[in-house]
Amino acid sequence: MAGKQMAKKFGVPVLSASQLNGMGEVRESKALEQDADTLLFIADDGVKIGKMRNGQRDAIIRLFLHGDVQKFLTYQTQ
């Protein structure tokens, strides 16, 4: 059974990290990009949603790193 089908059967997420090539595409394999339900990119101002099946694309999730406890938090504007 393939990984994606197994994850759906057991209701668990599968995360994979990948580098981008010089043109901003997933470096290892086009199959990763095609099979993924969601692609997230780390950007200067947060996390960019590059691909989302059945959802909004190109949105920025504004996050910041709270270095004291090493976790990302939602950016709150004052």
Protein backbone atom coordinates (compact mmCIF):
# COMPACT_ATOMS: atom_id res chain seq x y z
CA MET A 1 0.00 0.00 0.00
CA ALA A 2 1.38 3.41 -0.96
CA GLY A 3 2.14 5.98 1.74
CA LYS A 4 -0.66 8.39 0.87
CA GLN A 5 -3.32 5.67 0.87
CA MET A 6 -2.02 4.28 4.18
CA ALA A 7 -2.10 7.76 5.74
CA LYS A 8 -5.70 8.23 4.62
CA LYS A 9 -6.68 4.79 5.94
CA PHE A 10 -5.27 5.53 9.40
CA GLY A 11 -6.16 9.24 9.40
CA VAL A 12 -2.63 10.53 9.94
CA PRO A 13 -0.72 13.30 8.14
CA VAL A 14 2.47 12.68 6.21
CA LEU A 15 5.01 15.51 6.09
CA SER A 16 7.96 15.71 3.77
CA ALA A 17 10.58 18.43 3.51
CA SER A 18 12.20 19.27 0.20
CA GLN A 19 14.57 21.83 -1.25
CA LEU A 20 13.58 23.99 -4.20
CA ASN A 21 15.63 24.26 -7.37
CA GLY A 22 16.70 27.59 -8.89
CA MET A 23 13.28 28.05 -10.52
CA GLY A 24 11.37 27.57 -7.25
CA GLU A 25 10.16 24.05 -8.00
CA VAL A 26 10.41 20.99 -5.74
CA ARG A 27 13.90 19.65 -6.32
CA GLU A 28 13.69 15.90 -5.66
CA SER A 29 10.74 14.84 -7.74
CA LYS A 30 7.81 16.28 -9.65
CA ALA A 31 5.81 13.33 -8.28
CA LEU A 32 6.08 14.80 -4.75
CA GLU A 33 4.61 18.07 -5.99
CA GLN A 34 1.87 16.37 -8.00
CA ASP A 35 0.79 13.93 -5.26
CA ALA A 36 0.84 16.46 -2.42
CA ASP A 37 -2.47 17.83 -1.17
CA THR A 38 -0.74 20.92 0.25
CA LEU A 39 2.59 22.62 -0.45
CA LEU A 40 3.89 25.13 2.07
CA PHE A 41 6.90 27.37 1.50
CA ILE A 42 8.86 29.23 4.17
CA ALA A 43 8.87 32.91 3.18
CA ASP A 44 10.35 36.04 4.75
CA ASP A 45 6.98 37.14 6.13
CA GLY A 46 5.55 33.74 7.14
CA VAL A 47 4.53 30.52 5.43
CA LYS A 48 3.16 30.72 1.89
CA ILE A 49 0.52 28.26 0.72
CA GLY A 50 1.73 27.26 -2.74
CA LYS A 51 -0.81 24.51 -3.34
CA MET A 52 -3.92 23.51 -1.45
CA ARG A 53 -6.40 21.03 -2.86
CA ASN A 54 -9.87 22.45 -2.37
CA GLY A 55 -8.55 25.63 -0.78
CA GLN A 56 -7.01 29.06 -1.22
CA ARG A 57 -3.57 29.34 -2.82
CA ASP A 58 -0.87 31.98 -2.52
CA ALA A 59 -2.03 33.11 0.92
CA ILE A 60 0.57 33.99 3.57
CA ILE A 61 0.21 32.55 7.07
CA ARG A 62 1.96 35.16 9.20
CA LEU A 63 4.15 33.42 11.78
CA PHE A 64 7.12 34.36 13.90
CA LEU A 65 9.67 32.26 15.77
CA HIS A 66 9.49 32.63 19.53
CA GLY A 67 13.14 31.83 20.20
CA ASP A 68 12.84 31.36 23.97
CA VAL A 69 10.78 28.20 23.51
CA GLN A 70 11.62 27.41 19.85
CA LYS A 71 8.11 27.36 18.42
CA PHE A 72 6.21 29.23 15.75
CA LEU A 73 3.32 31.44 16.81
CA THR A 74 0.65 33.21 14.83
CA TYR A 75 1.70 36.80 14.20
CA GLN A 76 -0.63 39.25 15.98
CA THR A 77 -0.79 42.82 14.77
CA GLN A 78 -1.28 45.47 17.44
